[in-house]
Amino acid sequence: MAFHSFIARRVLRRARASRAGVDPLAAEDLDALFDDLLRWDGRGDLAETALDPRVAVSEGSEELLLAAELPGFGRGEVEVIVDGDDLTLRGAKKGEAATTSAGRIAGRRASGSFSHTFRIPFDVEADAVRCRMRDGLLTIAVPRPAASQTEARTVPVTTG
């Protein structure tokens, strides 16, 4: 086992053991950092990995919204596929090396791919789905068919 891997695993174990009172999002970010360190191949590159973008799903009376965090992705690197009531979000990113004016490598980005399929609770009309990529956030709006749109109403609660 490489030395960097040994150190990263030891620090990770201590961080997980002392996590009481730590913000859950900060702990999640710490886990992601150590996962990246443990995938490091020792030559300055991050090995190709499976990317795991965060996706928030919200449901309204007229449409279902999916918002995927895809920093660094361009429009051509992401694909949205609708097949019946399945919506698949797929993407791939090639590693990039940033160079200085002297031609030295200043940093690298990991490469990888992802694919997530979401089961939509109604039949999806593919032509009506809208996708928008802006500032690393992909928003997908899936309109409900007119037959499945309902209005919210209050239901009385009884005792006994």
N, C-alpha and C. Protein backbone atom coordinates (compact mmCIF):
# COMPACT_ATOMS: atom_id res chain seq x y z
N MET A 1 0.86 -1.18 0.00
CA MET A 1 0.00 0.00 0.00
C MET A 1 0.90 1.23 0.00
N ALA A 2 0.58 2.19 -0.83
CA ALA A 2 1.36 3.40 -0.91
C ALA A 2 1.25 4.20 0.38
N PHE A 3 2.27 4.99 0.66
CA PHE A 3 2.31 5.76 1.90
C PHE A 3 1.15 6.74 1.98
N HIS A 4 0.84 7.44 0.87
CA HIS A 4 -0.26 8.42 0.90
C HIS A 4 -1.58 7.74 1.23
N SER A 5 -1.77 6.54 0.75
CA SER A 5 -3.00 5.79 1.02
C SER A 5 -3.08 5.43 2.51
N PHE A 6 -1.96 5.03 3.08
CA PHE A 6 -1.91 4.68 4.50
C PHE A 6 -2.28 5.89 5.36
N ILE A 7 -1.67 7.03 5.07
CA ILE A 7 -1.95 8.25 5.84
C ILE A 7 -3.41 8.67 5.67
N ALA A 8 -3.91 8.67 4.42
CA ALA A 8 -5.29 9.09 4.17
C ALA A 8 -6.28 8.19 4.92
N ARG A 9 -6.05 6.89 4.92
CA ARG A 9 -6.96 5.98 5.62
C ARG A 9 -6.92 6.22 7.13
N ARG A 10 -5.75 6.49 7.66
CA ARG A 10 -5.63 6.74 9.10
C ARG A 10 -6.35 8.02 9.51
N VAL A 11 -6.17 9.09 8.71
CA VAL A 11 -6.84 10.35 9.00
C VAL A 11 -8.34 10.19 8.85
N LEU A 12 -8.77 9.45 7.84
CA LEU A 12 -10.19 9.21 7.62
C LEU A 12 -10.81 8.47 8.80
N ARG A 13 -10.14 7.47 9.31
CA ARG A 13 -10.66 6.73 10.47
C ARG A 13 -10.82 7.65 11.67
N ARG A 14 -9.83 8.50 11.92
CA ARG A 14 -9.91 9.42 13.05
C ARG A 14 -11.03 10.44 12.85
N ALA A 15 -11.18 10.94 11.61
CA ALA A 15 -12.23 11.92 11.33
C ALA A 15 -13.61 11.31 11.54
N ARG A 16 -13.81 10.08 11.11
CA ARG A 16 -15.10 9.42 11.28
C ARG A 16 -15.38 9.14 12.76
N ALA A 17 -14.36 8.80 13.51
CA ALA A 17 -14.53 8.50 14.94
C ALA A 17 -14.87 9.74 15.75
N SER A 18 -14.39 10.90 15.33
CA SER A 18 -14.60 12.12 16.11
C SER A 18 -15.65 13.03 15.48
N ARG A 19 -16.63 12.45 14.80
CA ARG A 19 -17.59 13.23 14.04
C ARG A 19 -18.77 13.76 14.86
N ALA A 20 -18.85 13.48 16.12
CA ALA A 20 -19.98 13.96 16.94
C ALA A 20 -20.02 15.48 16.90
N GLY A 21 -21.15 16.03 16.58
CA GLY A 21 -21.32 17.48 16.55
C GLY A 21 -20.83 18.14 15.28
N VAL A 22 -20.42 17.36 14.25
CA VAL A 22 -19.94 17.93 13.00
C VAL A 22 -21.12 18.09 12.04
N ASP A 23 -21.14 19.20 11.33
CA ASP A 23 -22.17 19.46 10.33
C ASP A 23 -22.19 18.30 9.32
N PRO A 24 -23.36 17.68 9.06
CA PRO A 24 -23.42 16.53 8.15
C PRO A 24 -22.91 16.84 6.75
N LEU A 25 -23.16 18.07 6.24
CA LEU A 25 -22.66 18.41 4.91
C LEU A 25 -21.14 18.51 4.90
N ALA A 26 -20.57 19.05 5.97
CA ALA A 26 -19.11 19.14 6.07
C ALA A 26 -18.52 17.73 6.13
N ALA A 27 -19.18 16.84 6.86
CA ALA A 27 -18.70 15.46 6.96
C ALA A 27 -18.77 14.77 5.60
N GLU A 28 -19.82 15.05 4.84
CA GLU A 28 -19.97 14.47 3.51
C GLU A 28 -18.86 14.98 2.58
N ASP A 29 -18.56 16.28 2.67
CA ASP A 29 -17.47 16.85 1.87
C ASP A 29 -16.13 16.25 2.25
N LEU A 30 -15.93 16.01 3.55
CA LEU A 30 -14.70 15.39 4.02
C LEU A 30 -14.56 13.97 3.47
N ASP A 31 -15.66 13.23 3.48
CA ASP A 31 -15.64 11.88 2.90
C ASP A 31 -15.26 11.93 1.43
N ALA A 32 -15.84 12.88 0.68
CA ALA A 32 -15.53 13.00 -0.75
C ALA A 32 -14.06 13.33 -0.97
N LEU A 33 -13.51 14.21 -0.14
CA LEU A 33 -12.10 14.55 -0.25
C LEU A 33 -11.22 13.32 -0.05
N PHE A 34 -11.50 12.55 0.99
CA PHE A 34 -10.69 11.37 1.25
C PHE A 34 -10.90 10.28 0.20
N ASP A 35 -12.12 10.19 -0.32
CA ASP A 35 -12.33 9.24 -1.41
C ASP A 35 -11.46 9.60 -2.60
N ASP A 36 -11.36 10.90 -2.93
CA ASP A 36 -10.50 11.34 -4.02
C ASP A 36 -9.04 11.04 -3.73
N LEU A 37 -8.61 11.27 -2.49
CA LEU A 37 -7.23 10.97 -2.12
C LEU A 37 -6.91 9.49 -2.26
N LEU A 38 -7.85 8.65 -1.88
CA LEU A 38 -7.61 7.21 -1.94
C LEU A 38 -7.62 6.69 -3.38
N ARG A 39 -8.20 7.44 -4.32
CA ARG A 39 -8.18 7.05 -5.73
C ARG A 39 -6.95 7.59 -6.46
N TRP A 40 -6.19 8.43 -5.80
CA TRP A 40 -5.02 9.04 -6.43
C TRP A 40 -4.05 7.97 -6.85
N ASP A 41 -3.50 8.04 -8.06
CA ASP A 41 -2.63 6.97 -8.56
C ASP A 41 -1.15 7.21 -8.26
N GLY A 42 -0.79 8.27 -7.53
CA GLY A 42 0.59 8.51 -7.13
C GLY A 42 1.41 9.25 -8.15
N ARG A 43 0.90 9.49 -9.35
CA ARG A 43 1.66 10.20 -10.37
C ARG A 43 1.16 11.61 -10.57
N GLY A 44 0.27 12.07 -9.71
CA GLY A 44 -0.27 13.40 -9.87
C GLY A 44 -1.61 13.41 -10.58
N ASP A 45 -2.08 12.24 -11.01
CA ASP A 45 -3.36 12.14 -11.69
C ASP A 45 -4.37 11.49 -10.77
N LEU A 46 -5.61 11.87 -10.92
CA LEU A 46 -6.68 11.12 -10.28
C LEU A 46 -7.14 10.08 -11.29
N ALA A 47 -7.24 8.85 -10.86
CA ALA A 47 -7.66 7.79 -11.75
C ALA A 47 -9.09 8.04 -12.22
N GLU A 48 -9.45 7.45 -13.36
CA GLU A 48 -10.83 7.60 -13.85
C GLU A 48 -11.78 7.03 -12.81
N THR A 49 -12.81 7.76 -12.52
CA THR A 49 -13.74 7.36 -11.47
C THR A 49 -15.17 7.45 -11.96
N ALA A 50 -16.05 6.87 -11.18
CA ALA A 50 -17.47 7.04 -11.43
C ALA A 50 -17.89 8.30 -10.68
N LEU A 51 -18.38 9.28 -11.40
CA LEU A 51 -18.82 10.52 -10.78
C LEU A 51 -20.20 10.29 -10.18
N ASP A 52 -20.51 11.01 -9.14
CA ASP A 52 -21.79 10.86 -8.48
C ASP A 52 -22.38 12.23 -8.19
N PRO A 53 -23.02 12.84 -9.20
CA PRO A 53 -23.56 14.20 -8.98
C PRO A 53 -24.75 14.16 -8.03
N ARG A 54 -24.92 15.24 -7.28
CA ARG A 54 -26.09 15.36 -6.42
C ARG A 54 -27.28 15.78 -7.28
N VAL A 55 -28.42 15.14 -7.03
CA VAL A 55 -29.64 15.44 -7.77
C VAL A 55 -30.76 15.67 -6.76
N ALA A 56 -31.39 16.84 -6.85
CA ALA A 56 -32.55 17.15 -6.00
C ALA A 56 -33.80 16.98 -6.85
N VAL A 57 -34.81 16.32 -6.28
CA VAL A 57 -36.07 16.09 -6.99
C VAL A 57 -37.18 16.77 -6.21
N SER A 58 -37.98 17.58 -6.89
CA SER A 58 -39.14 18.19 -6.24
C SER A 58 -40.35 17.99 -7.14
N GLU A 59 -41.48 17.80 -6.48
CA GLU A 59 -42.69 17.47 -7.21
C GLU A 59 -43.75 18.52 -6.96
N GLY A 60 -44.31 19.06 -8.02
CA GLY A 60 -45.39 20.01 -7.93
C GLY A 60 -46.64 19.44 -8.56
N SER A 61 -47.70 20.21 -8.56
CA SER A 61 -48.95 19.71 -9.13
C SER A 61 -48.92 19.66 -10.65
N GLU A 62 -48.06 20.48 -11.28
CA GLU A 62 -48.02 20.53 -12.74
C GLU A 62 -46.78 19.89 -13.35
N GLU A 63 -45.69 19.76 -12.57
CA GLU A 63 -44.47 19.18 -13.13
C GLU A 63 -43.56 18.62 -12.05
N LEU A 64 -42.64 17.79 -12.48
CA LEU A 64 -41.62 17.21 -11.63
C LEU A 64 -40.31 17.89 -12.03
N LEU A 65 -39.55 18.39 -11.05
CA LEU A 65 -38.29 19.07 -11.34
C LEU A 65 -37.12 18.27 -10.79
N LEU A 66 -36.10 18.10 -11.60
CA LEU A 66 -34.85 17.48 -11.17
C LEU A 66 -33.76 18.52 -11.37
N ALA A 67 -32.93 18.72 -10.36
CA ALA A 67 -31.81 19.66 -10.45
C ALA A 67 -30.53 18.90 -10.11
N ALA A 68 -29.63 18.79 -11.07
CA ALA A 68 -28.39 18.04 -10.90
C ALA A 68 -27.20 18.99 -10.86
N GLU A 69 -26.35 18.84 -9.84
CA GLU A 69 -25.14 19.65 -9.72
C GLU A 69 -24.05 19.02 -10.59
N LEU A 70 -23.65 19.71 -11.65
CA LEU A 70 -22.66 19.20 -12.59
C LEU A 70 -21.59 20.27 -12.87
N PRO A 71 -20.83 20.68 -11.86
CA PRO A 71 -19.82 21.72 -12.09
C PRO A 71 -18.77 21.26 -13.09
N GLY A 72 -18.44 22.14 -14.01
CA GLY A 72 -17.41 21.84 -15.01
C GLY A 72 -17.93 21.11 -16.23
N PHE A 73 -19.19 20.68 -16.23
CA PHE A 73 -19.76 19.99 -17.38
C PHE A 73 -20.34 20.99 -18.36
N GLY A 74 -20.17 20.70 -19.63
CA GLY A 74 -20.78 21.51 -20.68
C GLY A 74 -22.03 20.82 -21.21
N ARG A 75 -22.76 21.53 -22.04
CA ARG A 75 -24.00 21.00 -22.60
C ARG A 75 -23.78 19.71 -23.37
N GLY A 76 -22.68 19.62 -24.11
CA GLY A 76 -22.41 18.44 -24.92
C GLY A 76 -21.91 17.24 -24.14
N GLU A 77 -21.62 17.40 -22.85
CA GLU A 77 -21.09 16.30 -22.05
C GLU A 77 -22.17 15.61 -21.22
N VAL A 78 -23.42 16.08 -21.35
CA VAL A 78 -24.53 15.53 -20.57
C VAL A 78 -25.64 15.11 -21.53
N GLU A 79 -26.28 13.99 -21.20
CA GLU A 79 -27.34 13.46 -22.04
C GLU A 79 -28.55 13.13 -21.17
N VAL A 80 -29.75 13.52 -21.62
CA VAL A 80 -30.99 13.19 -20.93
C VAL A 80 -31.82 12.32 -21.87
N ILE A 81 -32.16 11.12 -21.41
CA ILE A 81 -32.88 10.15 -22.24
C ILE A 81 -34.20 9.81 -21.57
N VAL A 82 -35.30 9.91 -22.33
CA VAL A 82 -36.63 9.57 -21.83
C VAL A 82 -37.08 8.30 -22.54
N ASP A 83 -37.45 7.29 -21.74
CA ASP A 83 -37.94 6.02 -22.29
C ASP A 83 -39.12 5.57 -21.45
N GLY A 84 -40.33 5.83 -21.92
CA GLY A 84 -41.53 5.49 -21.16
C GLY A 84 -41.61 6.34 -19.91
N ASP A 85 -41.60 5.67 -18.75
CA ASP A 85 -41.63 6.43 -17.49
C ASP A 85 -40.25 6.48 -16.83
N ASP A 86 -39.20 6.16 -17.59
CA ASP A 86 -37.82 6.26 -17.09
C ASP A 86 -37.14 7.48 -17.70
N LEU A 87 -36.42 8.22 -16.85
CA LEU A 87 -35.61 9.34 -17.31
C LEU A 87 -34.18 9.04 -16.88
N THR A 88 -33.28 8.96 -17.85
CA THR A 88 -31.88 8.65 -17.56
C THR A 88 -31.04 9.89 -17.79
N LEU A 89 -30.22 10.21 -16.81
CA LEU A 89 -29.27 11.31 -16.86
C LEU A 89 -27.89 10.69 -16.96
N ARG A 90 -27.16 11.02 -18.03
CA ARG A 90 -25.87 10.39 -18.27
C ARG A 90 -24.85 11.44 -18.66
N GLY A 91 -23.60 11.27 -18.24
CA GLY A 91 -22.56 12.21 -18.61
C GLY A 91 -21.18 11.62 -18.48
N ALA A 92 -20.24 12.23 -19.16
CA ALA A 92 -18.84 11.80 -19.10
C ALA A 92 -17.96 13.03 -19.20
N LYS A 93 -16.86 12.99 -18.46
CA LYS A 93 -15.92 14.11 -18.42
C LYS A 93 -14.52 13.57 -18.62
N LYS A 94 -13.81 14.16 -19.55
CA LYS A 94 -12.40 13.79 -19.76
C LYS A 94 -11.53 14.65 -18.88
N GLY A 95 -10.44 14.08 -18.37
CA GLY A 95 -9.52 14.82 -17.52
C GLY A 95 -8.89 15.98 -18.26
N GLU A 96 -8.64 17.04 -17.54
CA GLU A 96 -8.03 18.23 -18.13
C GLU A 96 -6.79 18.60 -17.32
N ALA A 97 -5.80 19.10 -18.00
CA ALA A 97 -4.60 19.58 -17.32
C ALA A 97 -4.48 21.08 -17.57
N ALA A 98 -4.38 21.85 -16.49
CA ALA A 98 -4.18 23.30 -16.61
C ALA A 98 -2.67 23.55 -16.66
N THR A 99 -2.23 24.33 -17.64
CA THR A 99 -0.80 24.59 -17.76
C THR A 99 -0.51 26.07 -17.54
N THR A 100 0.70 26.33 -17.11
CA THR A 100 1.14 27.71 -16.90
C THR A 100 1.71 28.23 -18.22
N SER A 101 2.08 29.52 -18.24
CA SER A 101 2.65 30.11 -19.46
C SER A 101 3.99 29.47 -19.82
N ALA A 102 4.67 28.90 -18.83
CA ALA A 102 5.96 28.24 -19.09
C ALA A 102 5.77 26.80 -19.55
N GLY A 103 4.52 26.36 -19.67
CA GLY A 103 4.26 25.01 -20.14
C GLY A 103 4.23 23.96 -19.03
N ARG A 104 4.37 24.37 -17.79
CA ARG A 104 4.31 23.42 -16.68
C ARG A 104 2.87 23.10 -16.33
N ILE A 105 2.63 21.90 -15.86
CA ILE A 105 1.28 21.51 -15.46
C ILE A 105 1.00 22.09 -14.08
N ALA A 106 -0.06 22.89 -13.98
CA ALA A 106 -0.41 23.56 -12.72
C ALA A 106 -1.46 22.78 -11.93
N GLY A 107 -2.20 21.94 -12.58
CA GLY A 107 -3.24 21.17 -11.89
C GLY A 107 -3.97 20.28 -12.86
N ARG A 108 -4.68 19.32 -12.32
CA ARG A 108 -5.44 18.38 -13.14
C ARG A 108 -6.82 18.20 -12.55
N ARG A 109 -7.76 17.83 -13.40
CA ARG A 109 -9.11 17.49 -12.96
C ARG A 109 -9.35 16.03 -13.25
N ALA A 110 -10.10 15.40 -12.38
CA ALA A 110 -10.41 13.99 -12.57
C ALA A 110 -11.34 13.80 -13.76
N SER A 111 -11.29 12.62 -14.35
CA SER A 111 -12.22 12.28 -15.41
C SER A 111 -13.13 11.17 -14.89
N GLY A 112 -14.21 10.97 -15.55
CA GLY A 112 -15.11 9.90 -15.13
C GLY A 112 -16.45 10.00 -15.83
N SER A 113 -17.37 9.16 -15.40
CA SER A 113 -18.69 9.15 -16.01
C SER A 113 -19.73 8.81 -14.96
N PHE A 114 -20.98 9.05 -15.30
CA PHE A 114 -22.08 8.71 -14.41
C PHE A 114 -23.31 8.39 -15.24
N SER A 115 -24.23 7.66 -14.64
CA SER A 115 -25.51 7.37 -15.25
C SER A 115 -26.51 7.10 -14.13
N HIS A 116 -27.59 7.85 -14.12
CA HIS A 116 -28.65 7.66 -13.12
C HIS A 116 -29.98 7.57 -13.85
N THR A 117 -30.79 6.59 -13.48
CA THR A 117 -32.12 6.45 -14.05
C THR A 117 -33.14 6.71 -12.96
N PHE A 118 -34.11 7.56 -13.28
CA PHE A 118 -35.17 7.92 -12.35
C PHE A 118 -36.49 7.39 -12.90
N ARG A 119 -37.24 6.72 -12.05
CA ARG A 119 -38.58 6.25 -12.44
C ARG A 119 -39.56 7.38 -12.16
N ILE A 120 -40.21 7.88 -13.19
CA ILE A 120 -41.16 8.98 -13.08
C ILE A 120 -42.53 8.37 -12.78
N PRO A 121 -43.28 8.92 -11.81
CA PRO A 121 -44.54 8.29 -11.40
C PRO A 121 -45.71 8.50 -12.36
N PHE A 122 -45.43 8.91 -13.59
CA PHE A 122 -46.47 9.07 -14.61
C PHE A 122 -45.79 8.92 -15.97
N ASP A 123 -46.61 8.69 -17.01
CA ASP A 123 -46.05 8.58 -18.36
C ASP A 123 -45.51 9.92 -18.79
N VAL A 124 -44.32 9.90 -19.36
CA VAL A 124 -43.62 11.12 -19.75
C VAL A 124 -43.75 11.34 -21.25
N GLU A 125 -44.15 12.53 -21.62
CA GLU A 125 -44.16 12.92 -23.02
C GLU A 125 -42.80 13.55 -23.31
N ALA A 126 -41.96 12.82 -24.03
CA ALA A 126 -40.57 13.23 -24.23
C ALA A 126 -40.44 14.61 -24.86
N ASP A 127 -41.35 14.97 -25.77
CA ASP A 127 -41.26 16.27 -26.44
C ASP A 127 -41.55 17.44 -25.50
N ALA A 128 -42.21 17.18 -24.38
CA ALA A 128 -42.58 18.26 -23.45
C ALA A 128 -41.52 18.50 -22.38
N VAL A 129 -40.54 17.60 -22.24
CA VAL A 129 -39.49 17.74 -21.22
C VAL A 129 -38.57 18.89 -21.61
N ARG A 130 -38.25 19.74 -20.61
CA ARG A 130 -37.36 20.89 -20.84
C ARG A 130 -36.10 20.71 -19.99
N CYS A 131 -34.94 20.94 -20.60
CA CYS A 131 -33.66 20.85 -19.90
C CYS A 131 -32.90 22.16 -20.07
N ARG A 132 -32.26 22.61 -18.98
CA ARG A 132 -31.49 23.86 -19.04
C ARG A 132 -30.23 23.70 -18.20
N MET A 133 -29.09 24.01 -18.80
CA MET A 133 -27.80 23.96 -18.11
C MET A 133 -27.34 25.39 -17.90
N ARG A 134 -27.08 25.74 -16.62
CA ARG A 134 -26.60 27.09 -16.33
C ARG A 134 -25.72 27.05 -15.09
N ASP A 135 -24.50 27.54 -15.21
CA ASP A 135 -23.56 27.63 -14.09
C ASP A 135 -23.38 26.31 -13.36
N GLY A 136 -23.27 25.21 -14.11
CA GLY A 136 -23.04 23.91 -13.51
C GLY A 136 -24.26 23.25 -12.91
N LEU A 137 -25.44 23.81 -13.14
CA LEU A 137 -26.68 23.23 -12.62
C LEU A 137 -27.57 22.87 -13.79
N LEU A 138 -27.88 21.59 -13.90
CA LEU A 138 -28.79 21.10 -14.94
C LEU A 138 -30.17 20.98 -14.32
N THR A 139 -31.14 21.69 -14.90
CA THR A 139 -32.52 21.63 -14.42
C THR A 139 -33.36 20.94 -15.48
N ILE A 140 -34.09 19.91 -15.06
CA ILE A 140 -34.96 19.15 -15.96
C ILE A 140 -36.39 19.29 -15.45
N ALA A 141 -37.28 19.81 -16.30
CA ALA A 141 -38.69 19.96 -15.95
C ALA A 141 -39.49 18.93 -16.74
N VAL A 142 -40.20 18.06 -16.01
CA VAL A 142 -41.00 17.01 -16.63
C VAL A 142 -42.47 17.34 -16.35
N PRO A 143 -43.20 17.87 -17.34
CA PRO A 143 -44.60 18.22 -17.10
C PRO A 143 -45.47 16.98 -16.91
N ARG A 144 -46.44 17.11 -16.02
CA ARG A 144 -47.41 16.03 -15.81
C ARG A 144 -48.43 16.05 -16.94
N PRO A 145 -48.92 14.88 -17.33
CA PRO A 145 -50.03 14.88 -18.30
C PRO A 145 -51.26 15.52 -17.66
N ALA A 146 -52.10 16.13 -18.46
CA ALA A 146 -53.28 16.83 -17.94
C ALA A 146 -54.15 15.93 -17.08
N ALA A 147 -54.24 14.65 -17.39
CA ALA A 147 -55.09 13.73 -16.63
C ALA A 147 -54.58 13.50 -15.22
N SER A 148 -53.26 13.62 -15.00
CA SER A 148 -52.71 13.33 -13.67
C SER A 148 -52.51 14.57 -12.82
N GLN A 149 -52.79 15.76 -13.38
CA GLN A 149 -52.64 16.98 -12.59
C GLN A 149 -53.81 17.10 -11.62
N THR A 150 -53.48 17.27 -10.37
CA THR A 150 -54.53 17.39 -9.36
C THR A 150 -54.26 18.61 -8.51
N GLU A 151 -55.31 19.11 -7.91
CA GLU A 151 -55.15 20.23 -7.00
C GLU A 151 -55.08 19.71 -5.58
N ALA A 152 -54.28 20.35 -4.76
CA ALA A 152 -54.16 19.95 -3.36
C ALA A 152 -55.44 20.36 -2.63
N ARG A 153 -55.86 19.53 -1.71
CA ARG A 153 -57.03 19.87 -0.90
C ARG A 153 -56.80 19.35 0.51
N THR A 154 -57.48 19.94 1.45
CA THR A 154 -57.35 19.56 2.84
C THR A 154 -58.33 18.43 3.14
N VAL A 155 -57.84 17.41 3.80
CA VAL A 155 -58.67 16.28 4.20
C VAL A 155 -58.91 16.39 5.70
N PRO A 156 -60.16 16.37 6.14
CA PRO A 156 -60.42 16.50 7.58
C PRO A 156 -59.92 15.29 8.36
N VAL A 157 -59.43 15.56 9.56
CA VAL A 157 -58.94 14.51 10.45
C VAL A 157 -60.02 14.29 11.51
N THR A 158 -60.38 13.04 11.71
CA THR A 158 -61.40 12.71 12.69
C THR A 158 -60.77 11.94 13.85
N THR A 159 -61.45 11.88 14.96
CA THR A 159 -60.96 11.11 16.10
C THR A 159 -61.79 9.85 16.23
N GLY A 160 -61.19 8.85 16.89
CA GLY A 160 -61.93 7.64 17.21
C GLY A 160 -61.96 6.72 16.13
